[in-house]
Amino acid sequence: MNSRAADVVRLLTVRGETLAVAESLTGGLVAAEVTAAPGASKAFRGSVTAYATELKHELLDVDATLLAQRGAVDPQVAAQMAVGVRKALGADWGLATTGVAGPEPQDGKPVGTVFVAVAGPFAADSGSAGGGKVEALRLNGDRAEIRMESVRSVLALLLKELASEQSGNELAQDTEQNGGF
């Protein structure tokens, strides 16, 4: 089991927050990693594996024009998937994966092109593409390696967001305790 997944479950449980996942190239692997962690039922709401492009629009509310113009392997699509699954499943946090695992290129994108995204409670304030934070990856390896590295990367992105939000909250509390300075 992935220790990142266990860390995600532990942190979300402590915070009383929930997670939903939208997956394309990972085909349910992110959800499998998270649910393998003990206590996952306290934090994990569910997942949508939207492998077919039209399902990204129908189930996750990804803009149809965006999908038609850029294809499914796009940073803004990843961001909208994360926001869409968060809303659809009623979670505090949404994660998304989209990309090309191979063996053939897709939508003009080479094998190993992956976008992972996270949308959180304050995503609307971030001003980022489509309301979520996105990381572009260029991965090497075979199909299985690309998919597993995508899982590790999206969980790491969520951990980074949870940590930065936590330190931001501590800073705000510290500022209040010190008379606003």
N, C-alpha and C. Protein backbone atom coordinates (compact mmCIF):
# COMPACT_ATOMS: atom_id res chain seq x y z
N MET A 1 0.84 -1.19 0.00
CA MET A 1 0.00 0.00 0.00
C MET A 1 0.87 1.24 0.00
N ASN A 2 0.42 2.25 -0.67
CA ASN A 2 1.14 3.51 -0.81
C ASN A 2 1.05 4.31 0.49
N SER A 3 2.20 4.69 1.06
CA SER A 3 2.17 5.47 2.30
C SER A 3 1.57 6.85 2.06
N ARG A 4 1.68 7.37 0.83
CA ARG A 4 1.03 8.66 0.53
C ARG A 4 -0.47 8.55 0.71
N ALA A 5 -1.04 7.44 0.27
CA ALA A 5 -2.48 7.24 0.42
C ALA A 5 -2.86 7.20 1.90
N ALA A 6 -2.07 6.52 2.70
CA ALA A 6 -2.33 6.45 4.14
C ALA A 6 -2.22 7.84 4.76
N ASP A 7 -1.23 8.62 4.32
CA ASP A 7 -1.07 9.98 4.82
C ASP A 7 -2.27 10.85 4.45
N VAL A 8 -2.75 10.70 3.22
CA VAL A 8 -3.91 11.46 2.75
C VAL A 8 -5.13 11.13 3.63
N VAL A 9 -5.38 9.84 3.84
CA VAL A 9 -6.53 9.42 4.64
C VAL A 9 -6.41 9.94 6.07
N ARG A 10 -5.21 9.82 6.64
CA ARG A 10 -4.99 10.28 8.02
C ARG A 10 -5.23 11.79 8.13
N LEU A 11 -4.64 12.56 7.23
CA LEU A 11 -4.78 14.02 7.29
C LEU A 11 -6.23 14.45 7.08
N LEU A 12 -6.89 13.88 6.10
CA LEU A 12 -8.28 14.25 5.85
C LEU A 12 -9.17 13.88 7.03
N THR A 13 -8.92 12.72 7.63
CA THR A 13 -9.72 12.28 8.78
C THR A 13 -9.55 13.22 9.96
N VAL A 14 -8.31 13.60 10.24
CA VAL A 14 -8.02 14.53 11.33
C VAL A 14 -8.72 15.86 11.10
N ARG A 15 -8.75 16.30 9.85
CA ARG A 15 -9.35 17.59 9.50
C ARG A 15 -10.87 17.50 9.34
N GLY A 16 -11.41 16.27 9.32
CA GLY A 16 -12.85 16.10 9.12
C GLY A 16 -13.27 16.44 7.70
N GLU A 17 -12.37 16.21 6.74
CA GLU A 17 -12.66 16.53 5.34
C GLU A 17 -12.73 15.27 4.49
N THR A 18 -13.32 15.43 3.30
CA THR A 18 -13.55 14.27 2.43
C THR A 18 -12.90 14.46 1.06
N LEU A 19 -12.76 13.34 0.35
CA LEU A 19 -12.09 13.30 -0.94
C LEU A 19 -12.92 12.54 -1.96
N ALA A 20 -12.93 13.06 -3.19
CA ALA A 20 -13.50 12.35 -4.33
C ALA A 20 -12.46 12.38 -5.45
N VAL A 21 -12.48 11.37 -6.31
CA VAL A 21 -11.46 11.23 -7.34
C VAL A 21 -12.11 11.05 -8.71
N ALA A 22 -11.57 11.77 -9.71
CA ALA A 22 -11.97 11.60 -11.12
C ALA A 22 -10.76 11.05 -11.85
N GLU A 23 -10.91 9.90 -12.47
CA GLU A 23 -9.77 9.25 -13.13
C GLU A 23 -10.06 8.98 -14.59
N SER A 24 -9.02 9.15 -15.39
CA SER A 24 -9.07 8.74 -16.77
C SER A 24 -7.98 7.69 -16.97
N LEU A 25 -6.76 8.10 -17.28
CA LEU A 25 -5.71 7.12 -17.61
C LEU A 25 -5.42 6.14 -16.48
N THR A 26 -5.67 6.53 -15.23
CA THR A 26 -5.38 5.64 -14.10
C THR A 26 -6.47 4.60 -13.85
N GLY A 27 -7.61 4.76 -14.48
CA GLY A 27 -8.64 3.73 -14.48
C GLY A 27 -9.06 3.16 -13.14
N GLY A 28 -9.06 3.97 -12.10
CA GLY A 28 -9.48 3.48 -10.78
C GLY A 28 -8.34 3.19 -9.83
N LEU A 29 -7.10 3.33 -10.29
CA LEU A 29 -5.95 3.03 -9.44
C LEU A 29 -5.81 3.99 -8.26
N VAL A 30 -6.16 5.27 -8.45
CA VAL A 30 -6.09 6.22 -7.34
C VAL A 30 -7.08 5.82 -6.26
N ALA A 31 -8.31 5.52 -6.68
CA ALA A 31 -9.33 5.09 -5.72
C ALA A 31 -8.90 3.81 -5.01
N ALA A 32 -8.29 2.89 -5.74
CA ALA A 32 -7.83 1.63 -5.13
C ALA A 32 -6.75 1.89 -4.08
N GLU A 33 -5.82 2.79 -4.37
CA GLU A 33 -4.76 3.13 -3.41
C GLU A 33 -5.36 3.75 -2.15
N VAL A 34 -6.26 4.71 -2.35
CA VAL A 34 -6.84 5.40 -1.20
C VAL A 34 -7.65 4.44 -0.35
N THR A 35 -8.46 3.59 -0.99
CA THR A 35 -9.32 2.68 -0.22
C THR A 35 -8.54 1.53 0.41
N ALA A 36 -7.29 1.32 0.00
CA ALA A 36 -6.45 0.32 0.64
C ALA A 36 -5.96 0.79 2.00
N ALA A 37 -6.01 2.10 2.24
CA ALA A 37 -5.55 2.67 3.51
C ALA A 37 -6.58 2.39 4.61
N PRO A 38 -6.12 1.97 5.78
CA PRO A 38 -7.04 1.75 6.90
C PRO A 38 -7.80 3.04 7.24
N GLY A 39 -9.09 2.92 7.46
CA GLY A 39 -9.89 4.08 7.83
C GLY A 39 -10.33 4.93 6.65
N ALA A 40 -10.12 4.46 5.43
CA ALA A 40 -10.45 5.26 4.24
C ALA A 40 -11.93 5.66 4.21
N SER A 41 -12.79 4.84 4.78
CA SER A 41 -14.23 5.14 4.71
C SER A 41 -14.58 6.43 5.45
N LYS A 42 -13.72 6.89 6.34
CA LYS A 42 -13.98 8.15 7.05
C LYS A 42 -13.76 9.36 6.15
N ALA A 43 -12.93 9.21 5.11
CA ALA A 43 -12.56 10.37 4.30
C ALA A 43 -12.92 10.25 2.82
N PHE A 44 -13.00 9.03 2.31
CA PHE A 44 -13.18 8.84 0.87
C PHE A 44 -14.65 8.74 0.51
N ARG A 45 -15.13 9.67 -0.37
CA ARG A 45 -16.53 9.68 -0.78
C ARG A 45 -16.79 8.73 -1.94
N GLY A 46 -15.85 8.69 -2.92
CA GLY A 46 -16.05 7.84 -4.08
C GLY A 46 -15.25 8.35 -5.25
N SER A 47 -15.47 7.71 -6.40
CA SER A 47 -14.71 8.09 -7.58
C SER A 47 -15.55 7.92 -8.84
N VAL A 48 -15.11 8.61 -9.88
CA VAL A 48 -15.70 8.47 -11.21
C VAL A 48 -14.55 8.14 -12.15
N THR A 49 -14.62 6.99 -12.81
CA THR A 49 -13.63 6.66 -13.83
C THR A 49 -14.26 7.03 -15.17
N ALA A 50 -13.90 8.21 -15.66
CA ALA A 50 -14.45 8.73 -16.91
C ALA A 50 -13.41 8.53 -18.00
N TYR A 51 -13.33 7.31 -18.49
CA TYR A 51 -12.33 6.96 -19.50
C TYR A 51 -12.70 7.53 -20.85
N ALA A 52 -13.98 7.43 -21.22
CA ALA A 52 -14.46 7.97 -22.49
C ALA A 52 -14.58 9.48 -22.37
N THR A 53 -14.15 10.18 -23.41
CA THR A 53 -14.13 11.64 -23.39
C THR A 53 -15.50 12.24 -23.09
N GLU A 54 -16.56 11.71 -23.69
CA GLU A 54 -17.88 12.31 -23.48
C GLU A 54 -18.33 12.20 -22.02
N LEU A 55 -17.86 11.18 -21.30
CA LEU A 55 -18.22 11.05 -19.88
C LEU A 55 -17.60 12.16 -19.04
N LYS A 56 -16.47 12.69 -19.47
CA LYS A 56 -15.85 13.81 -18.74
C LYS A 56 -16.81 15.00 -18.74
N HIS A 57 -17.52 15.19 -19.85
CA HIS A 57 -18.51 16.26 -19.92
C HIS A 57 -19.79 15.86 -19.18
N GLU A 58 -20.31 14.67 -19.48
CA GLU A 58 -21.61 14.26 -18.94
C GLU A 58 -21.62 14.06 -17.43
N LEU A 59 -20.56 13.47 -16.88
CA LEU A 59 -20.54 13.16 -15.45
C LEU A 59 -19.78 14.18 -14.60
N LEU A 60 -18.79 14.84 -15.21
CA LEU A 60 -17.90 15.72 -14.44
C LEU A 60 -18.04 17.19 -14.83
N ASP A 61 -18.93 17.48 -15.78
CA ASP A 61 -19.21 18.85 -16.18
C ASP A 61 -17.99 19.57 -16.78
N VAL A 62 -17.11 18.80 -17.44
CA VAL A 62 -16.01 19.43 -18.17
C VAL A 62 -16.60 20.09 -19.42
N ASP A 63 -16.16 21.28 -19.71
CA ASP A 63 -16.67 22.06 -20.84
C ASP A 63 -16.55 21.28 -22.15
N ALA A 64 -17.67 21.09 -22.85
CA ALA A 64 -17.69 20.30 -24.08
C ALA A 64 -16.86 20.96 -25.18
N THR A 65 -16.88 22.28 -25.25
CA THR A 65 -16.09 22.99 -26.27
C THR A 65 -14.60 22.79 -26.02
N LEU A 66 -14.20 22.86 -24.77
CA LEU A 66 -12.80 22.61 -24.39
C LEU A 66 -12.37 21.22 -24.83
N LEU A 67 -13.19 20.22 -24.55
CA LEU A 67 -12.89 18.85 -24.94
C LEU A 67 -12.79 18.71 -26.46
N ALA A 68 -13.70 19.37 -27.18
CA ALA A 68 -13.71 19.30 -28.64
C ALA A 68 -12.48 19.97 -29.24
N GLN A 69 -12.07 21.09 -28.65
CA GLN A 69 -10.94 21.85 -29.20
C GLN A 69 -9.58 21.27 -28.81
N ARG A 70 -9.45 20.84 -27.55
CA ARG A 70 -8.12 20.43 -27.06
C ARG A 70 -7.98 18.94 -26.78
N GLY A 71 -9.09 18.23 -26.73
CA GLY A 71 -9.04 16.82 -26.38
C GLY A 71 -9.01 16.65 -24.87
N ALA A 72 -8.99 15.40 -24.43
CA ALA A 72 -9.09 15.09 -23.00
C ALA A 72 -7.78 15.28 -22.26
N VAL A 73 -6.66 15.27 -22.99
CA VAL A 73 -5.35 15.37 -22.34
C VAL A 73 -4.93 16.83 -22.36
N ASP A 74 -5.37 17.56 -21.32
CA ASP A 74 -5.19 19.00 -21.29
C ASP A 74 -5.22 19.46 -19.82
N PRO A 75 -4.41 20.44 -19.47
CA PRO A 75 -4.40 20.87 -18.06
C PRO A 75 -5.73 21.42 -17.58
N GLN A 76 -6.42 22.17 -18.44
CA GLN A 76 -7.72 22.74 -18.02
C GLN A 76 -8.77 21.65 -17.87
N VAL A 77 -8.68 20.61 -18.69
CA VAL A 77 -9.59 19.47 -18.54
C VAL A 77 -9.36 18.80 -17.18
N ALA A 78 -8.09 18.60 -16.81
CA ALA A 78 -7.77 18.00 -15.51
C ALA A 78 -8.34 18.84 -14.38
N ALA A 79 -8.16 20.16 -14.46
CA ALA A 79 -8.67 21.06 -13.41
C ALA A 79 -10.19 20.96 -13.31
N GLN A 80 -10.87 20.97 -14.47
CA GLN A 80 -12.33 20.89 -14.45
C GLN A 80 -12.83 19.53 -13.96
N MET A 81 -12.07 18.47 -14.24
CA MET A 81 -12.43 17.14 -13.73
C MET A 81 -12.38 17.14 -12.20
N ALA A 82 -11.34 17.74 -11.63
CA ALA A 82 -11.19 17.78 -10.17
C ALA A 82 -12.33 18.57 -9.53
N VAL A 83 -12.65 19.72 -10.12
CA VAL A 83 -13.75 20.54 -9.61
C VAL A 83 -15.07 19.79 -9.78
N GLY A 84 -15.26 19.16 -10.94
CA GLY A 84 -16.51 18.45 -11.23
C GLY A 84 -16.77 17.28 -10.31
N VAL A 85 -15.75 16.48 -10.01
CA VAL A 85 -15.96 15.32 -9.14
C VAL A 85 -16.19 15.78 -7.70
N ARG A 86 -15.53 16.85 -7.32
CA ARG A 86 -15.73 17.40 -5.97
C ARG A 86 -17.19 17.79 -5.79
N LYS A 87 -17.73 18.47 -6.80
CA LYS A 87 -19.12 18.92 -6.75
C LYS A 87 -20.08 17.74 -6.87
N ALA A 88 -19.83 16.84 -7.84
CA ALA A 88 -20.74 15.72 -8.10
C ALA A 88 -20.87 14.78 -6.91
N LEU A 89 -19.76 14.57 -6.19
CA LEU A 89 -19.78 13.61 -5.08
C LEU A 89 -19.83 14.28 -3.71
N GLY A 90 -19.92 15.60 -3.70
CA GLY A 90 -20.08 16.33 -2.45
C GLY A 90 -18.90 16.20 -1.51
N ALA A 91 -17.69 16.35 -2.04
CA ALA A 91 -16.47 16.21 -1.24
C ALA A 91 -15.80 17.56 -1.03
N ASP A 92 -14.97 17.64 0.00
CA ASP A 92 -14.18 18.84 0.25
C ASP A 92 -13.06 18.99 -0.78
N TRP A 93 -12.50 17.85 -1.18
CA TRP A 93 -11.36 17.84 -2.10
C TRP A 93 -11.68 16.95 -3.30
N GLY A 94 -11.22 17.38 -4.47
CA GLY A 94 -11.35 16.56 -5.68
C GLY A 94 -9.99 16.38 -6.31
N LEU A 95 -9.71 15.17 -6.76
CA LEU A 95 -8.47 14.87 -7.48
C LEU A 95 -8.84 14.42 -8.88
N ALA A 96 -7.92 14.63 -9.83
CA ALA A 96 -8.17 14.17 -11.20
C ALA A 96 -6.87 13.76 -11.87
N THR A 97 -7.00 12.76 -12.75
CA THR A 97 -5.87 12.33 -13.59
C THR A 97 -6.36 12.22 -15.03
N THR A 98 -5.57 12.74 -15.96
CA THR A 98 -5.83 12.55 -17.38
C THR A 98 -4.48 12.55 -18.09
N GLY A 99 -4.38 11.73 -19.13
CA GLY A 99 -3.10 11.67 -19.83
C GLY A 99 -3.03 10.52 -20.81
N VAL A 100 -1.81 10.29 -21.29
CA VAL A 100 -1.55 9.26 -22.29
C VAL A 100 -0.62 8.21 -21.69
N ALA A 101 -1.16 7.03 -21.40
CA ALA A 101 -0.36 5.96 -20.82
C ALA A 101 0.31 5.11 -21.90
N GLY A 102 -0.18 5.21 -23.12
CA GLY A 102 0.42 4.44 -24.22
C GLY A 102 -0.36 3.18 -24.51
N PRO A 103 0.04 2.45 -25.48
CA PRO A 103 1.33 2.56 -26.18
C PRO A 103 1.36 3.60 -27.30
N GLU A 104 0.19 4.13 -27.70
CA GLU A 104 0.13 5.08 -28.82
C GLU A 104 -0.13 6.50 -28.31
N PRO A 105 0.33 7.54 -29.02
CA PRO A 105 -0.03 8.92 -28.68
C PRO A 105 -1.55 9.10 -28.78
N GLN A 106 -2.06 10.15 -28.12
CA GLN A 106 -3.49 10.44 -28.14
C GLN A 106 -3.68 11.94 -28.27
N ASP A 107 -4.62 12.34 -29.08
CA ASP A 107 -4.93 13.77 -29.28
C ASP A 107 -3.67 14.58 -29.59
N GLY A 108 -2.74 13.98 -30.32
CA GLY A 108 -1.51 14.67 -30.67
C GLY A 108 -0.52 14.80 -29.53
N LYS A 109 -0.80 14.16 -28.39
CA LYS A 109 0.07 14.24 -27.22
C LYS A 109 0.89 12.94 -27.13
N PRO A 110 2.20 13.07 -26.85
CA PRO A 110 3.03 11.87 -26.77
C PRO A 110 2.74 11.04 -25.52
N VAL A 111 3.08 9.76 -25.60
CA VAL A 111 2.96 8.86 -24.45
C VAL A 111 3.76 9.46 -23.29
N GLY A 112 3.16 9.43 -22.11
CA GLY A 112 3.82 9.95 -20.92
C GLY A 112 3.39 11.37 -20.56
N THR A 113 2.55 11.98 -21.42
CA THR A 113 1.99 13.30 -21.11
C THR A 113 0.83 13.10 -20.15
N VAL A 114 0.95 13.65 -18.95
CA VAL A 114 -0.07 13.45 -17.92
C VAL A 114 -0.33 14.77 -17.21
N PHE A 115 -1.59 14.99 -16.86
CA PHE A 115 -1.96 16.14 -16.04
C PHE A 115 -2.70 15.61 -14.82
N VAL A 116 -2.27 16.04 -13.64
CA VAL A 116 -2.95 15.70 -12.40
C VAL A 116 -3.43 17.01 -11.78
N ALA A 117 -4.57 16.94 -11.12
CA ALA A 117 -5.16 18.18 -10.58
C ALA A 117 -5.79 17.94 -9.22
N VAL A 118 -5.86 19.00 -8.45
CA VAL A 118 -6.55 18.99 -7.17
C VAL A 118 -7.41 20.24 -7.08
N ALA A 119 -8.61 20.07 -6.55
CA ALA A 119 -9.50 21.19 -6.26
C ALA A 119 -9.93 21.05 -4.81
N GLY A 120 -9.79 22.12 -4.07
CA GLY A 120 -10.11 22.06 -2.64
C GLY A 120 -11.16 23.06 -2.24
N PRO A 121 -11.39 23.16 -0.94
CA PRO A 121 -12.42 24.06 -0.43
C PRO A 121 -12.20 25.51 -0.84
N PHE A 122 -10.95 25.90 -1.08
CA PHE A 122 -10.67 27.29 -1.42
C PHE A 122 -10.24 27.43 -2.87
N ALA A 123 -10.56 26.44 -3.71
CA ALA A 123 -10.13 26.45 -5.12
C ALA A 123 -10.64 27.69 -5.85
N ALA A 124 -11.81 28.16 -5.50
CA ALA A 124 -12.37 29.32 -6.20
C ALA A 124 -11.51 30.56 -5.98
N ASP A 125 -10.79 30.62 -4.85
CA ASP A 125 -9.95 31.78 -4.55
C ASP A 125 -8.61 31.72 -5.26
N SER A 126 -8.23 30.54 -5.75
CA SER A 126 -6.87 30.37 -6.27
C SER A 126 -6.67 31.03 -7.63
N GLY A 127 -7.75 31.26 -8.36
CA GLY A 127 -7.63 31.90 -9.67
C GLY A 127 -6.90 31.05 -10.69
N SER A 128 -6.80 29.76 -10.46
CA SER A 128 -6.07 28.90 -11.39
C SER A 128 -7.02 28.34 -12.44
N ALA A 129 -6.47 27.68 -13.43
CA ALA A 129 -7.23 27.20 -14.59
C ALA A 129 -8.41 26.33 -14.18
N GLY A 130 -9.60 26.81 -14.44
CA GLY A 130 -10.79 26.01 -14.20
C GLY A 130 -11.10 25.77 -12.74
N GLY A 131 -10.42 26.42 -11.82
CA GLY A 131 -10.72 26.29 -10.40
C GLY A 131 -9.91 25.25 -9.66
N GLY A 132 -8.98 24.58 -10.31
CA GLY A 132 -8.15 23.60 -9.62
C GLY A 132 -6.68 23.84 -9.88
N LYS A 133 -5.83 23.28 -9.04
CA LYS A 133 -4.39 23.37 -9.26
C LYS A 133 -3.94 22.17 -10.08
N VAL A 134 -3.15 22.41 -11.09
CA VAL A 134 -2.75 21.37 -12.04
C VAL A 134 -1.24 21.25 -12.08
N GLU A 135 -0.79 20.02 -12.21
CA GLU A 135 0.63 19.75 -12.40
C GLU A 135 0.78 18.97 -13.71
N ALA A 136 1.66 19.44 -14.57
CA ALA A 136 1.95 18.76 -15.83
C ALA A 136 3.11 17.81 -15.61
N LEU A 137 2.97 16.57 -16.07
CA LEU A 137 4.02 15.57 -15.92
C LEU A 137 4.45 15.07 -17.28
N ARG A 138 5.72 14.75 -17.40
CA ARG A 138 6.23 14.08 -18.61
C ARG A 138 6.91 12.81 -18.10
N LEU A 139 6.18 11.70 -18.16
CA LEU A 139 6.63 10.46 -17.53
C LEU A 139 7.24 9.50 -18.55
N ASN A 140 8.21 8.74 -18.09
CA ASN A 140 8.84 7.70 -18.90
C ASN A 140 8.41 6.34 -18.37
N GLY A 141 8.57 5.34 -19.19
CA GLY A 141 8.26 3.98 -18.77
C GLY A 141 7.16 3.38 -19.62
N ASP A 142 6.80 2.16 -19.24
CA ASP A 142 5.72 1.50 -19.96
C ASP A 142 4.37 1.96 -19.41
N ARG A 143 3.31 1.42 -19.98
CA ARG A 143 1.95 1.82 -19.61
C ARG A 143 1.71 1.70 -18.09
N ALA A 144 2.10 0.58 -17.51
CA ALA A 144 1.87 0.36 -16.07
C ALA A 144 2.67 1.36 -15.23
N GLU A 145 3.90 1.62 -15.62
CA GLU A 145 4.74 2.55 -14.87
C GLU A 145 4.19 3.98 -14.94
N ILE A 146 3.73 4.38 -16.11
CA ILE A 146 3.15 5.72 -16.27
C ILE A 146 1.90 5.86 -15.41
N ARG A 147 1.07 4.83 -15.40
CA ARG A 147 -0.16 4.89 -14.61
C ARG A 147 0.14 4.94 -13.11
N MET A 148 1.11 4.14 -12.65
CA MET A 148 1.43 4.13 -11.21
C MET A 148 2.09 5.44 -10.79
N GLU A 149 2.94 6.00 -11.64
CA GLU A 149 3.57 7.28 -11.30
C GLU A 149 2.52 8.39 -11.28
N SER A 150 1.51 8.29 -12.11
CA SER A 150 0.41 9.27 -12.10
C SER A 150 -0.33 9.21 -10.76
N VAL A 151 -0.55 8.00 -10.25
CA VAL A 151 -1.20 7.83 -8.94
C VAL A 151 -0.35 8.48 -7.86
N ARG A 152 0.95 8.15 -7.84
CA ARG A 152 1.84 8.74 -6.83
C ARG A 152 1.84 10.26 -6.92
N SER A 153 1.87 10.78 -8.13
CA SER A 153 1.96 12.23 -8.34
C SER A 153 0.70 12.97 -7.88
N VAL A 154 -0.47 12.42 -8.18
CA VAL A 154 -1.71 13.12 -7.79
C VAL A 154 -1.88 13.08 -6.27
N LEU A 155 -1.48 12.00 -5.61
CA LEU A 155 -1.55 11.94 -4.14
C LEU A 155 -0.54 12.91 -3.53
N ALA A 156 0.64 13.02 -4.12
CA ALA A 156 1.65 13.96 -3.64
C ALA A 156 1.16 15.40 -3.79
N LEU A 157 0.46 15.69 -4.90
CA LEU A 157 -0.08 17.02 -5.12
C LEU A 157 -1.11 17.37 -4.04
N LEU A 158 -1.97 16.43 -3.70
CA LEU A 158 -2.95 16.67 -2.64
C LEU A 158 -2.24 16.89 -1.30
N LEU A 159 -1.25 16.07 -0.99
CA LEU A 159 -0.52 16.25 0.27
C LEU A 159 0.12 17.63 0.35
N LYS A 160 0.67 18.08 -0.77
CA LYS A 160 1.29 19.41 -0.83
C LYS A 160 0.24 20.50 -0.56
N GLU A 161 -0.94 20.35 -1.17
CA GLU A 161 -2.01 21.33 -0.95
C GLU A 161 -2.49 21.32 0.50
N LEU A 162 -2.64 20.13 1.06
CA LEU A 162 -3.07 20.02 2.46
C LEU A 162 -2.04 20.67 3.38
N ALA A 163 -0.77 20.45 3.11
CA ALA A 163 0.30 21.01 3.94
C ALA A 163 0.35 22.53 3.81
N SER A 164 0.22 23.04 2.59
CA SER A 164 0.32 24.49 2.41
C SER A 164 -0.91 25.19 3.01
N GLU A 165 -2.06 24.54 2.90
CA GLU A 165 -3.26 25.13 3.50
C GLU A 165 -3.14 25.12 5.02
N GLN A 166 -2.58 24.04 5.56
CA GLN A 166 -2.40 23.93 7.00
C GLN A 166 -1.47 25.03 7.51
N SER A 167 -0.34 25.23 6.83
CA SER A 167 0.61 26.25 7.28
C SER A 167 -0.01 27.64 7.12
N GLY A 168 -0.85 27.82 6.10
CA GLY A 168 -1.54 29.09 5.94
C GLY A 168 -2.50 29.35 7.08
N ASN A 169 -3.21 28.31 7.52
CA ASN A 169 -4.14 28.45 8.65
C ASN A 169 -3.38 28.76 9.94
N GLU A 170 -2.24 28.09 10.13
CA GLU A 170 -1.44 28.33 11.34
C GLU A 170 -0.92 29.75 11.33
N LEU A 171 -0.52 30.24 10.16
CA LEU A 171 -0.03 31.61 10.04
C LEU A 171 -1.14 32.59 10.39
N ALA A 172 -2.35 32.33 9.90
CA ALA A 172 -3.48 33.21 10.19
C ALA A 172 -3.79 33.22 11.68
N GLN A 173 -3.75 32.05 12.32
CA GLN A 173 -4.00 31.97 13.75
C GLN A 173 -2.93 32.70 14.53
N ASP A 174 -1.67 32.53 14.10
CA ASP A 174 -0.55 33.18 14.77
C ASP A 174 -0.69 34.70 14.66
N THR A 175 -1.12 35.16 13.49
CA THR A 175 -1.29 36.60 13.27
C THR A 175 -2.38 37.14 14.19
N GLU A 176 -3.48 36.39 14.33
CA GLU A 176 -4.55 36.83 15.22
C GLU A 176 -4.09 36.89 16.67
N GLN A 177 -3.31 35.91 17.07
CA GLN A 177 -2.84 35.85 18.46
C GLN A 177 -1.85 36.98 18.75
N ASN A 178 -1.18 37.47 17.74
CA ASN A 178 -0.18 38.51 17.94
C ASN A 178 -0.70 39.89 17.53
N GLY A 179 -1.97 40.11 17.73
CA GLY A 179 -2.55 41.43 17.49
C GLY A 179 -2.61 41.83 16.02
N GLY A 180 -2.58 40.86 15.12
CA GLY A 180 -2.74 41.17 13.71
C GLY A 180 -1.47 41.63 13.01
N PHE A 181 -0.33 41.43 13.63
CA PHE A 181 0.92 41.84 12.97
C PHE A 181 1.68 40.65 12.44
